[in-house]
Amino acid sequence: MLKKIIIPVVAISGLALLSGCATKPTTYPNFTATPVAQATSTSEFRQKTDAIFVIVDASSSTNTTYDGNDSGSSKLDVEKQTLYRLNKTIPANINLATGITSFGSGHCLDWSSTKVDQNATRHSAKNFQSGLDMTQCASGGSPLNKALAGSTTELEKVRGNSALLIVSDGQQVPSETLAEAQALEDKFGQRLCIYSIW
């Protein structure tokens, strides 16, 4: 009798756990990049960055609903939608390297604390989007410090000036995070600018 009860309960529990891992893919709203009214002609613009490396927060705090608008989207979806729009604004013929890494922990990051979703390589809108789509869910803590430390390897692959974009809600980041950012600044000096988006 006990065996008849335990087997269905275990089966239902297992199914519930597996369905909890299933996530709805991010939807990207229609977006067309348009010039903003400005006094300077775009022909006068000069490229200052040779590489953009993005760190995406895929920790469990980004599963919560983004309260900056009424879309009902999660913070992770908003992060990805922002980077989708960024990708759409990068000119096709630009000489630029891009790369993406994500941080969190657990099953969403292949049981690691960071994951390189796209190695730093010559920019391609298609490859950047594929790298962005590698981040399909969010789980675990916020080891931004480890993502910063790991970005050294990717940043060393590129020449010239680099921009490091950190797309994160800044929740529960370890105290060592600023020290890791300082270590990057010490290593790359004026060749690196770090930006946070949120």
N, C-alpha and C. Protein backbone atom coordinates (compact mmCIF):
# COMPACT_ATOMS: atom_id res chain seq x y z
N MET A 1 0.82 -1.20 0.00
CA MET A 1 0.00 0.00 0.00
C MET A 1 0.87 1.26 0.00
N LEU A 2 1.88 1.28 0.88
CA LEU A 2 2.77 2.44 0.97
C LEU A 2 3.50 2.66 -0.35
N LYS A 3 3.91 1.56 -1.00
CA LYS A 3 4.62 1.64 -2.27
C LYS A 3 3.72 2.26 -3.35
N LYS A 4 2.43 1.94 -3.32
CA LYS A 4 1.49 2.49 -4.31
C LYS A 4 1.32 4.00 -4.14
N ILE A 5 1.48 4.48 -2.92
CA ILE A 5 1.33 5.92 -2.67
C ILE A 5 2.63 6.66 -2.99
N ILE A 6 3.77 6.07 -2.61
CA ILE A 6 5.06 6.75 -2.76
C ILE A 6 5.42 6.96 -4.23
N ILE A 7 5.23 5.95 -5.07
CA ILE A 7 5.63 6.06 -6.47
C ILE A 7 4.90 7.20 -7.18
N PRO A 8 3.56 7.32 -7.08
CA PRO A 8 2.90 8.47 -7.74
C PRO A 8 3.32 9.82 -7.15
N VAL A 9 3.54 9.87 -5.84
CA VAL A 9 3.95 11.13 -5.21
C VAL A 9 5.32 11.55 -5.72
N VAL A 10 6.26 10.59 -5.82
CA VAL A 10 7.60 10.89 -6.32
C VAL A 10 7.52 11.32 -7.78
N ALA A 11 6.70 10.63 -8.57
CA ALA A 11 6.56 10.98 -9.99
C ALA A 11 6.00 12.39 -10.16
N ILE A 12 4.98 12.73 -9.40
CA ILE A 12 4.37 14.07 -9.48
C ILE A 12 5.35 15.13 -9.00
N SER A 13 6.08 14.84 -7.92
CA SER A 13 7.07 15.79 -7.41
C SER A 13 8.17 16.03 -8.43
N GLY A 14 8.65 14.96 -9.07
CA GLY A 14 9.69 15.10 -10.09
C GLY A 14 9.22 15.93 -11.26
N LEU A 15 7.98 15.71 -11.69
CA LEU A 15 7.41 16.48 -12.79
C LEU A 15 7.29 17.96 -12.42
N ALA A 16 6.90 18.23 -11.19
CA ALA A 16 6.79 19.62 -10.73
C ALA A 16 8.16 20.29 -10.72
N LEU A 17 9.19 19.57 -10.27
CA LEU A 17 10.54 20.13 -10.25
C LEU A 17 11.03 20.42 -11.66
N LEU A 18 10.81 19.49 -12.58
CA LEU A 18 11.26 19.70 -13.95
C LEU A 18 10.52 20.85 -14.61
N SER A 19 9.24 20.98 -14.37
CA SER A 19 8.49 22.08 -14.99
C SER A 19 8.90 23.41 -14.38
N GLY A 20 9.40 23.41 -13.14
CA GLY A 20 9.89 24.64 -12.52
C GLY A 20 11.12 25.17 -13.21
N CYS A 21 11.87 24.28 -13.90
CA CYS A 21 13.07 24.70 -14.62
C CYS A 21 12.72 25.24 -16.00
N ALA A 22 11.54 24.91 -16.50
CA ALA A 22 11.15 25.37 -17.83
C ALA A 22 10.87 26.87 -17.77
N THR A 23 11.42 27.59 -18.72
CA THR A 23 11.23 29.04 -18.73
C THR A 23 10.65 29.47 -20.07
N LYS A 24 9.96 30.56 -20.04
CA LYS A 24 9.39 31.15 -21.24
C LYS A 24 10.50 31.96 -21.91
N PRO A 25 10.73 31.77 -23.22
CA PRO A 25 11.80 32.52 -23.87
C PRO A 25 11.49 34.02 -23.88
N THR A 26 12.54 34.81 -23.87
CA THR A 26 12.39 36.26 -23.92
C THR A 26 11.78 36.67 -25.25
N THR A 27 10.82 37.56 -25.20
CA THR A 27 10.27 38.11 -26.44
C THR A 27 10.89 39.48 -26.65
N TYR A 28 11.21 39.75 -27.90
CA TYR A 28 11.84 41.02 -28.24
C TYR A 28 10.85 41.88 -29.01
N PRO A 29 10.47 43.04 -28.44
CA PRO A 29 9.54 43.92 -29.14
C PRO A 29 10.18 44.46 -30.42
N ASN A 30 9.35 44.82 -31.38
CA ASN A 30 9.88 45.42 -32.61
C ASN A 30 10.69 46.65 -32.24
N PHE A 31 11.84 46.79 -32.88
CA PHE A 31 12.71 47.93 -32.60
C PHE A 31 13.46 48.29 -33.87
N THR A 32 13.41 49.55 -34.22
CA THR A 32 14.19 50.07 -35.33
C THR A 32 15.00 51.24 -34.80
N ALA A 33 16.30 51.15 -34.96
CA ALA A 33 17.17 52.23 -34.50
C ALA A 33 16.96 53.46 -35.37
N THR A 34 16.73 54.59 -34.73
CA THR A 34 16.55 55.84 -35.46
C THR A 34 17.45 56.90 -34.83
N PRO A 35 18.01 57.78 -35.65
CA PRO A 35 18.87 58.83 -35.09
C PRO A 35 18.07 59.77 -34.19
N VAL A 36 18.69 60.18 -33.14
CA VAL A 36 18.09 61.14 -32.22
C VAL A 36 18.42 62.53 -32.75
N ALA A 37 17.50 63.47 -32.60
CA ALA A 37 17.76 64.84 -33.05
C ALA A 37 19.04 65.36 -32.40
N GLN A 38 19.98 65.71 -33.24
CA GLN A 38 21.27 66.18 -32.72
C GLN A 38 21.86 67.20 -33.68
N ALA A 39 22.70 68.05 -33.15
CA ALA A 39 23.31 69.10 -33.96
C ALA A 39 24.49 68.57 -34.77
N THR A 40 25.13 67.48 -34.30
CA THR A 40 26.31 66.94 -34.96
C THR A 40 25.92 65.87 -35.96
N SER A 41 26.49 65.92 -37.15
CA SER A 41 26.24 64.90 -38.16
C SER A 41 26.95 63.61 -37.74
N THR A 42 26.32 62.47 -38.02
CA THR A 42 26.95 61.19 -37.66
C THR A 42 28.24 60.97 -38.43
N SER A 43 28.42 61.66 -39.56
CA SER A 43 29.68 61.53 -40.32
C SER A 43 30.86 62.10 -39.54
N GLU A 44 30.57 62.93 -38.54
CA GLU A 44 31.64 63.50 -37.72
C GLU A 44 31.97 62.64 -36.50
N PHE A 45 31.21 61.58 -36.29
CA PHE A 45 31.48 60.70 -35.15
C PHE A 45 32.78 59.92 -35.38
N ARG A 46 33.51 59.68 -34.33
CA ARG A 46 34.73 58.88 -34.38
C ARG A 46 34.63 57.74 -33.39
N GLN A 47 35.01 56.56 -33.83
CA GLN A 47 34.95 55.39 -32.97
C GLN A 47 36.04 55.48 -31.91
N LYS A 48 35.64 55.31 -30.64
CA LYS A 48 36.59 55.36 -29.53
C LYS A 48 36.78 54.01 -28.86
N THR A 49 35.90 53.06 -29.15
CA THR A 49 35.95 51.75 -28.51
C THR A 49 36.16 50.68 -29.56
N ASP A 50 37.11 49.80 -29.30
CA ASP A 50 37.41 48.71 -30.24
C ASP A 50 36.74 47.41 -29.83
N ALA A 51 36.27 47.34 -28.60
CA ALA A 51 35.62 46.12 -28.10
C ALA A 51 34.58 46.46 -27.05
N ILE A 52 33.48 45.73 -27.08
CA ILE A 52 32.45 45.83 -26.04
C ILE A 52 32.26 44.44 -25.47
N PHE A 53 32.51 44.33 -24.18
CA PHE A 53 32.29 43.05 -23.50
C PHE A 53 31.18 43.26 -22.48
N VAL A 54 30.17 42.41 -22.54
CA VAL A 54 28.97 42.57 -21.71
C VAL A 54 28.93 41.50 -20.63
N ILE A 55 28.62 41.92 -19.40
CA ILE A 55 28.38 40.99 -18.29
C ILE A 55 26.90 41.09 -17.93
N VAL A 56 26.18 39.96 -18.06
CA VAL A 56 24.74 39.91 -17.83
C VAL A 56 24.45 39.24 -16.49
N ASP A 57 23.63 39.88 -15.68
CA ASP A 57 23.20 39.33 -14.39
C ASP A 57 22.12 38.29 -14.63
N ALA A 58 22.46 37.02 -14.37
CA ALA A 58 21.49 35.92 -14.48
C ALA A 58 21.28 35.28 -13.11
N SER A 59 21.36 36.10 -12.06
CA SER A 59 21.13 35.60 -10.70
C SER A 59 19.63 35.58 -10.42
N SER A 60 19.23 34.91 -9.36
CA SER A 60 17.80 34.72 -9.08
C SER A 60 17.04 36.03 -8.86
N SER A 61 17.74 37.09 -8.45
CA SER A 61 17.03 38.36 -8.23
C SER A 61 16.47 38.93 -9.52
N THR A 62 17.01 38.51 -10.67
CA THR A 62 16.51 39.03 -11.95
C THR A 62 15.27 38.28 -12.44
N ASN A 63 14.81 37.31 -11.65
CA ASN A 63 13.52 36.66 -11.96
C ASN A 63 12.34 37.53 -11.54
N THR A 64 12.59 38.51 -10.69
CA THR A 64 11.49 39.36 -10.21
C THR A 64 11.04 40.31 -11.32
N THR A 65 9.82 40.78 -11.20
CA THR A 65 9.25 41.66 -12.20
C THR A 65 9.93 43.03 -12.16
N TYR A 66 10.29 43.51 -13.33
CA TYR A 66 10.89 44.83 -13.46
C TYR A 66 9.82 45.88 -13.19
N ASP A 67 10.09 46.79 -12.27
CA ASP A 67 9.07 47.78 -11.91
C ASP A 67 9.27 49.13 -12.59
N GLY A 68 10.13 49.20 -13.59
CA GLY A 68 10.37 50.46 -14.29
C GLY A 68 9.32 50.77 -15.34
N ASN A 69 8.49 49.80 -15.67
CA ASN A 69 7.37 50.03 -16.59
C ASN A 69 6.27 49.03 -16.27
N ASP A 70 5.21 49.04 -17.02
CA ASP A 70 4.09 48.15 -16.72
C ASP A 70 4.03 46.94 -17.65
N SER A 71 5.17 46.53 -18.20
CA SER A 71 5.20 45.42 -19.15
C SER A 71 5.00 44.06 -18.48
N GLY A 72 5.31 43.98 -17.18
CA GLY A 72 5.23 42.70 -16.49
C GLY A 72 6.41 41.80 -16.77
N SER A 73 7.42 42.30 -17.48
CA SER A 73 8.60 41.51 -17.81
C SER A 73 9.50 41.35 -16.60
N SER A 74 10.25 40.26 -16.58
CA SER A 74 11.23 40.06 -15.52
C SER A 74 12.43 40.97 -15.77
N LYS A 75 13.24 41.18 -14.74
CA LYS A 75 14.45 41.98 -14.90
C LYS A 75 15.37 41.36 -15.94
N LEU A 76 15.47 40.02 -15.95
CA LEU A 76 16.31 39.34 -16.94
C LEU A 76 15.83 39.64 -18.35
N ASP A 77 14.52 39.59 -18.57
CA ASP A 77 13.99 39.91 -19.90
C ASP A 77 14.31 41.34 -20.29
N VAL A 78 14.20 42.26 -19.35
CA VAL A 78 14.50 43.67 -19.64
C VAL A 78 15.99 43.83 -19.97
N GLU A 79 16.86 43.12 -19.25
CA GLU A 79 18.30 43.15 -19.56
C GLU A 79 18.53 42.70 -21.00
N LYS A 80 17.93 41.58 -21.35
CA LYS A 80 18.13 41.03 -22.69
C LYS A 80 17.51 41.91 -23.77
N GLN A 81 16.36 42.51 -23.48
CA GLN A 81 15.73 43.41 -24.45
C GLN A 81 16.59 44.66 -24.67
N THR A 82 17.21 45.15 -23.60
CA THR A 82 18.11 46.31 -23.71
C THR A 82 19.30 45.97 -24.60
N LEU A 83 19.90 44.79 -24.38
CA LEU A 83 21.05 44.39 -25.19
C LEU A 83 20.65 44.07 -26.63
N TYR A 84 19.44 43.58 -26.82
CA TYR A 84 18.91 43.36 -28.18
C TYR A 84 18.87 44.69 -28.93
N ARG A 85 18.38 45.72 -28.24
CA ARG A 85 18.31 47.05 -28.87
C ARG A 85 19.71 47.60 -29.13
N LEU A 86 20.63 47.41 -28.18
CA LEU A 86 22.01 47.85 -28.38
C LEU A 86 22.58 47.19 -29.63
N ASN A 87 22.37 45.90 -29.76
CA ASN A 87 22.87 45.15 -30.91
C ASN A 87 22.32 45.72 -32.22
N LYS A 88 21.07 46.14 -32.21
CA LYS A 88 20.43 46.70 -33.41
C LYS A 88 21.02 48.05 -33.80
N THR A 89 21.66 48.74 -32.85
CA THR A 89 22.21 50.07 -33.15
C THR A 89 23.66 50.04 -33.60
N ILE A 90 24.32 48.88 -33.52
CA ILE A 90 25.72 48.78 -33.93
C ILE A 90 25.78 48.66 -35.45
N PRO A 91 26.49 49.57 -36.12
CA PRO A 91 26.57 49.51 -37.59
C PRO A 91 27.18 48.19 -38.06
N ALA A 92 26.69 47.69 -39.18
CA ALA A 92 27.14 46.39 -39.69
C ALA A 92 28.60 46.40 -40.12
N ASN A 93 29.09 47.52 -40.60
CA ASN A 93 30.45 47.58 -41.15
C ASN A 93 31.50 48.06 -40.15
N ILE A 94 31.17 48.12 -38.88
CA ILE A 94 32.10 48.65 -37.88
C ILE A 94 33.15 47.59 -37.51
N ASN A 95 34.37 48.05 -37.28
CA ASN A 95 35.44 47.16 -36.84
C ASN A 95 35.40 47.12 -35.31
N LEU A 96 34.71 46.14 -34.77
CA LEU A 96 34.44 46.07 -33.34
C LEU A 96 34.41 44.62 -32.90
N ALA A 97 34.96 44.35 -31.72
CA ALA A 97 34.84 43.01 -31.13
C ALA A 97 33.79 43.07 -30.03
N THR A 98 33.02 42.01 -29.88
CA THR A 98 32.02 41.93 -28.81
C THR A 98 32.08 40.56 -28.16
N GLY A 99 31.65 40.51 -26.91
CA GLY A 99 31.57 39.25 -26.17
C GLY A 99 30.56 39.38 -25.05
N ILE A 100 30.06 38.24 -24.59
CA ILE A 100 29.04 38.23 -23.53
C ILE A 100 29.37 37.14 -22.53
N THR A 101 29.25 37.47 -21.25
CA THR A 101 29.32 36.46 -20.20
C THR A 101 28.17 36.72 -19.24
N SER A 102 27.73 35.68 -18.55
CA SER A 102 26.64 35.84 -17.58
C SER A 102 27.10 35.31 -16.23
N PHE A 103 26.46 35.79 -15.17
CA PHE A 103 26.80 35.31 -13.83
C PHE A 103 25.55 35.01 -13.04
N GLY A 104 25.69 34.12 -12.10
CA GLY A 104 24.61 33.62 -11.24
C GLY A 104 25.13 32.33 -10.64
N SER A 105 24.31 31.32 -10.53
CA SER A 105 24.77 29.98 -10.15
C SER A 105 23.64 29.00 -10.35
N GLY A 106 23.98 27.73 -10.32
CA GLY A 106 22.97 26.69 -10.47
C GLY A 106 22.79 26.24 -11.90
N HIS A 107 21.64 25.63 -12.15
CA HIS A 107 21.39 24.99 -13.44
C HIS A 107 21.38 25.97 -14.62
N CYS A 108 21.03 27.22 -14.39
CA CYS A 108 20.97 28.18 -15.49
C CYS A 108 22.36 28.53 -16.03
N LEU A 109 23.38 28.29 -15.25
CA LEU A 109 24.75 28.58 -15.68
C LEU A 109 25.58 27.30 -15.74
N ASP A 110 24.94 26.20 -16.07
CA ASP A 110 25.63 24.91 -16.17
C ASP A 110 26.39 24.57 -14.90
N TRP A 111 25.80 24.90 -13.76
CA TRP A 111 26.34 24.61 -12.42
C TRP A 111 27.68 25.29 -12.17
N SER A 112 27.85 26.46 -12.76
CA SER A 112 29.04 27.27 -12.52
C SER A 112 28.56 28.64 -12.03
N SER A 113 29.49 29.51 -11.68
CA SER A 113 29.09 30.85 -11.23
C SER A 113 29.14 31.87 -12.36
N THR A 114 29.87 31.55 -13.42
CA THR A 114 29.90 32.41 -14.60
C THR A 114 29.89 31.52 -15.84
N LYS A 115 29.46 32.09 -16.95
CA LYS A 115 29.44 31.33 -18.20
C LYS A 115 29.69 32.30 -19.36
N VAL A 116 30.67 31.97 -20.20
CA VAL A 116 30.92 32.78 -21.39
C VAL A 116 29.89 32.36 -22.44
N ASP A 117 29.03 33.30 -22.80
CA ASP A 117 27.97 33.03 -23.77
C ASP A 117 28.40 33.34 -25.20
N GLN A 118 29.36 34.26 -25.34
CA GLN A 118 29.96 34.54 -26.64
C GLN A 118 31.38 35.02 -26.38
N ASN A 119 32.35 34.31 -26.93
CA ASN A 119 33.74 34.72 -26.79
C ASN A 119 33.95 36.06 -27.47
N ALA A 120 34.91 36.83 -26.97
CA ALA A 120 35.23 38.12 -27.59
C ALA A 120 35.78 37.86 -28.99
N THR A 121 35.05 38.31 -29.98
CA THR A 121 35.43 38.11 -31.38
C THR A 121 34.82 39.25 -32.21
N ARG A 122 35.21 39.33 -33.48
CA ARG A 122 34.68 40.40 -34.34
C ARG A 122 33.16 40.40 -34.29
N HIS A 123 32.60 41.59 -34.14
CA HIS A 123 31.15 41.70 -33.96
C HIS A 123 30.38 41.23 -35.18
N SER A 124 29.37 40.46 -34.88
CA SER A 124 28.36 40.05 -35.86
C SER A 124 27.04 40.13 -35.11
N ALA A 125 26.06 40.82 -35.68
CA ALA A 125 24.76 40.96 -35.01
C ALA A 125 24.15 39.59 -34.72
N LYS A 126 24.31 38.67 -35.65
CA LYS A 126 23.75 37.32 -35.49
C LYS A 126 24.43 36.59 -34.34
N ASN A 127 25.76 36.63 -34.28
CA ASN A 127 26.49 35.95 -33.21
C ASN A 127 26.21 36.58 -31.85
N PHE A 128 26.11 37.90 -31.81
CA PHE A 128 25.81 38.58 -30.55
C PHE A 128 24.44 38.15 -30.04
N GLN A 129 23.46 38.10 -30.95
CA GLN A 129 22.12 37.68 -30.54
C GLN A 129 22.12 36.23 -30.07
N SER A 130 22.87 35.37 -30.76
CA SER A 130 22.96 33.97 -30.33
C SER A 130 23.57 33.86 -28.94
N GLY A 131 24.60 34.66 -28.68
CA GLY A 131 25.21 34.68 -27.35
C GLY A 131 24.23 35.17 -26.30
N LEU A 132 23.47 36.19 -26.65
CA LEU A 132 22.46 36.73 -25.73
C LEU A 132 21.39 35.69 -25.43
N ASP A 133 21.00 34.94 -26.43
CA ASP A 133 19.97 33.91 -26.25
C ASP A 133 20.46 32.72 -25.44
N MET A 134 21.76 32.61 -25.23
CA MET A 134 22.30 31.53 -24.40
C MET A 134 21.85 31.68 -22.95
N THR A 135 21.60 32.91 -22.52
CA THR A 135 21.09 33.15 -21.17
C THR A 135 19.58 32.98 -21.21
N GLN A 136 19.13 31.80 -20.82
CA GLN A 136 17.71 31.47 -20.94
C GLN A 136 16.95 31.55 -19.63
N CYS A 137 17.66 31.54 -18.51
CA CYS A 137 16.98 31.61 -17.21
C CYS A 137 17.95 32.20 -16.18
N ALA A 138 17.43 32.47 -15.00
CA ALA A 138 18.23 33.08 -13.93
C ALA A 138 18.10 32.25 -12.67
N SER A 139 19.23 32.05 -11.97
CA SER A 139 19.20 31.30 -10.72
C SER A 139 20.42 31.63 -9.88
N GLY A 140 20.31 31.39 -8.58
CA GLY A 140 21.44 31.48 -7.67
C GLY A 140 21.82 32.87 -7.23
N GLY A 141 23.01 32.96 -6.65
CA GLY A 141 23.53 34.20 -6.08
C GLY A 141 24.04 35.15 -7.14
N SER A 142 24.79 36.16 -6.70
CA SER A 142 25.25 37.23 -7.59
C SER A 142 26.77 37.39 -7.57
N PRO A 143 27.51 36.41 -8.09
CA PRO A 143 28.98 36.50 -8.05
C PRO A 143 29.55 37.42 -9.13
N LEU A 144 29.15 38.69 -9.09
CA LEU A 144 29.66 39.66 -10.06
C LEU A 144 31.17 39.76 -9.97
N ASN A 145 31.72 39.60 -8.77
CA ASN A 145 33.17 39.65 -8.61
C ASN A 145 33.86 38.60 -9.47
N LYS A 146 33.29 37.39 -9.54
CA LYS A 146 33.89 36.32 -10.35
C LYS A 146 33.74 36.62 -11.84
N ALA A 147 32.63 37.23 -12.23
CA ALA A 147 32.45 37.60 -13.63
C ALA A 147 33.47 38.66 -14.04
N LEU A 148 33.73 39.62 -13.16
CA LEU A 148 34.74 40.64 -13.45
C LEU A 148 36.12 40.01 -13.57
N ALA A 149 36.45 39.12 -12.63
CA ALA A 149 37.76 38.45 -12.67
C ALA A 149 37.90 37.63 -13.95
N GLY A 150 36.83 36.94 -14.33
CA GLY A 150 36.86 36.11 -15.54
C GLY A 150 36.91 36.91 -16.82
N SER A 151 36.45 38.14 -16.79
CA SER A 151 36.45 38.96 -18.01
C SER A 151 37.86 39.33 -18.45
N THR A 152 38.83 39.22 -17.56
CA THR A 152 40.22 39.53 -17.91
C THR A 152 40.65 38.73 -19.12
N THR A 153 40.34 37.44 -19.13
CA THR A 153 40.74 36.56 -20.23
C THR A 153 40.17 37.05 -21.55
N GLU A 154 38.91 37.43 -21.56
CA GLU A 154 38.27 37.90 -22.79
C GLU A 154 38.83 39.26 -23.21
N LEU A 155 39.04 40.14 -22.25
CA LEU A 155 39.54 41.48 -22.57
C LEU A 155 40.97 41.43 -23.10
N GLU A 156 41.75 40.44 -22.68
CA GLU A 156 43.12 40.30 -23.17
C GLU A 156 43.16 39.89 -24.64
N LYS A 157 42.09 39.35 -25.16
CA LYS A 157 42.04 38.89 -26.55
C LYS A 157 41.93 40.03 -27.55
N VAL A 158 41.53 41.20 -27.08
CA VAL A 158 41.27 42.30 -28.01
C VAL A 158 42.31 43.40 -27.85
N ARG A 159 42.52 44.13 -28.94
CA ARG A 159 43.46 45.26 -28.92
C ARG A 159 42.69 46.56 -28.84
N GLY A 160 43.38 47.58 -28.42
CA GLY A 160 42.75 48.89 -28.38
C GLY A 160 41.91 49.10 -27.14
N ASN A 161 40.97 50.02 -27.24
CA ASN A 161 40.13 50.41 -26.11
C ASN A 161 38.92 49.49 -25.98
N SER A 162 38.58 49.17 -24.74
CA SER A 162 37.44 48.29 -24.47
C SER A 162 36.44 48.96 -23.54
N ALA A 163 35.17 48.64 -23.77
CA ALA A 163 34.10 49.05 -22.87
C ALA A 163 33.54 47.78 -22.23
N LEU A 164 33.46 47.78 -20.92
CA LEU A 164 32.88 46.66 -20.18
C LEU A 164 31.53 47.11 -19.66
N LEU A 165 30.45 46.52 -20.19
CA LEU A 165 29.09 46.88 -19.78
C LEU A 165 28.58 45.85 -18.78
N ILE A 166 28.24 46.30 -17.60
CA ILE A 166 27.66 45.42 -16.59
C ILE A 166 26.17 45.70 -16.53
N VAL A 167 25.37 44.71 -16.93
CA VAL A 167 23.92 44.86 -16.93
C VAL A 167 23.40 44.05 -15.75
N SER A 168 23.07 44.74 -14.66
CA SER A 168 22.74 44.07 -13.40
C SER A 168 21.83 44.93 -12.55
N ASP A 169 21.02 44.26 -11.71
CA ASP A 169 20.21 45.02 -10.75
C ASP A 169 21.01 45.38 -9.50
N GLY A 170 22.24 44.88 -9.40
CA GLY A 170 23.12 45.22 -8.28
C GLY A 170 22.72 44.61 -6.95
N GLN A 171 21.81 43.65 -6.97
CA GLN A 171 21.34 43.04 -5.73
C GLN A 171 22.33 42.00 -5.22
N GLN A 172 22.67 42.07 -3.96
CA GLN A 172 23.45 41.07 -3.24
C GLN A 172 24.78 40.73 -3.89
N VAL A 173 25.47 41.73 -4.43
CA VAL A 173 26.79 41.47 -4.99
C VAL A 173 27.81 41.39 -3.86
N PRO A 174 28.81 40.52 -3.98
CA PRO A 174 29.80 40.35 -2.92
C PRO A 174 30.62 41.62 -2.69
N SER A 175 31.16 41.73 -1.49
CA SER A 175 31.95 42.91 -1.14
C SER A 175 33.25 43.00 -1.95
N GLU A 176 33.70 41.88 -2.51
CA GLU A 176 34.95 41.88 -3.30
C GLU A 176 34.76 42.47 -4.70
N THR A 177 33.56 42.81 -5.06
CA THR A 177 33.27 43.26 -6.43
C THR A 177 34.05 44.52 -6.80
N LEU A 178 34.07 45.50 -5.92
CA LEU A 178 34.81 46.74 -6.23
C LEU A 178 36.30 46.49 -6.37
N ALA A 179 36.84 45.58 -5.57
CA ALA A 179 38.27 45.25 -5.66
C ALA A 179 38.58 44.61 -7.02
N GLU A 180 37.67 43.77 -7.51
CA GLU A 180 37.87 43.15 -8.83
C GLU A 180 37.80 44.20 -9.94
N ALA A 181 36.89 45.15 -9.81
CA ALA A 181 36.79 46.23 -10.80
C ALA A 181 38.07 47.07 -10.78
N GLN A 182 38.59 47.33 -9.59
CA GLN A 182 39.83 48.09 -9.46
C GLN A 182 41.00 47.33 -10.07
N ALA A 183 41.02 46.01 -9.89
CA ALA A 183 42.08 45.18 -10.47
C ALA A 183 42.06 45.27 -12.00
N LEU A 184 40.86 45.29 -12.58
CA LEU A 184 40.75 45.45 -14.03
C LEU A 184 41.27 46.81 -14.47
N GLU A 185 40.90 47.84 -13.72
CA GLU A 185 41.38 49.18 -14.05
C GLU A 185 42.90 49.26 -13.94
N ASP A 186 43.45 48.64 -12.91
CA ASP A 186 44.91 48.63 -12.74
C ASP A 186 45.59 47.90 -13.89
N LYS A 187 44.99 46.82 -14.35
CA LYS A 187 45.60 46.01 -15.41
C LYS A 187 45.51 46.69 -16.78
N PHE A 188 44.34 47.21 -17.12
CA PHE A 188 44.13 47.75 -18.46
C PHE A 188 44.25 49.26 -18.54
N GLY A 189 44.24 49.94 -17.41
CA GLY A 189 44.43 51.39 -17.38
C GLY A 189 43.42 52.13 -18.24
N GLN A 190 43.93 53.10 -19.01
CA GLN A 190 43.06 53.95 -19.82
C GLN A 190 42.42 53.23 -21.00
N ARG A 191 42.85 52.00 -21.24
CA ARG A 191 42.26 51.22 -22.35
C ARG A 191 40.88 50.68 -22.01
N LEU A 192 40.47 50.75 -20.73
CA LEU A 192 39.21 50.15 -20.31
C LEU A 192 38.31 51.16 -19.62
N CYS A 193 37.06 51.19 -20.03
CA CYS A 193 36.02 51.95 -19.32
C CYS A 193 34.95 50.96 -18.89
N ILE A 194 34.54 51.04 -17.62
CA ILE A 194 33.51 50.16 -17.09
C ILE A 194 32.23 50.96 -16.91
N TYR A 195 31.14 50.43 -17.45
CA TYR A 195 29.84 51.08 -17.35
C TYR A 195 28.85 50.10 -16.72
N SER A 196 27.96 50.63 -15.89
CA SER A 196 26.89 49.77 -15.37
C SER A 196 25.56 50.29 -15.91
N ILE A 197 24.70 49.36 -16.27
CA ILE A 197 23.39 49.70 -16.80
C ILE A 197 22.33 49.14 -15.87
N TRP A 198 21.53 50.00 -15.34
CA TRP A 198 20.31 49.62 -14.63
C TRP A 198 19.52 50.81 -14.23
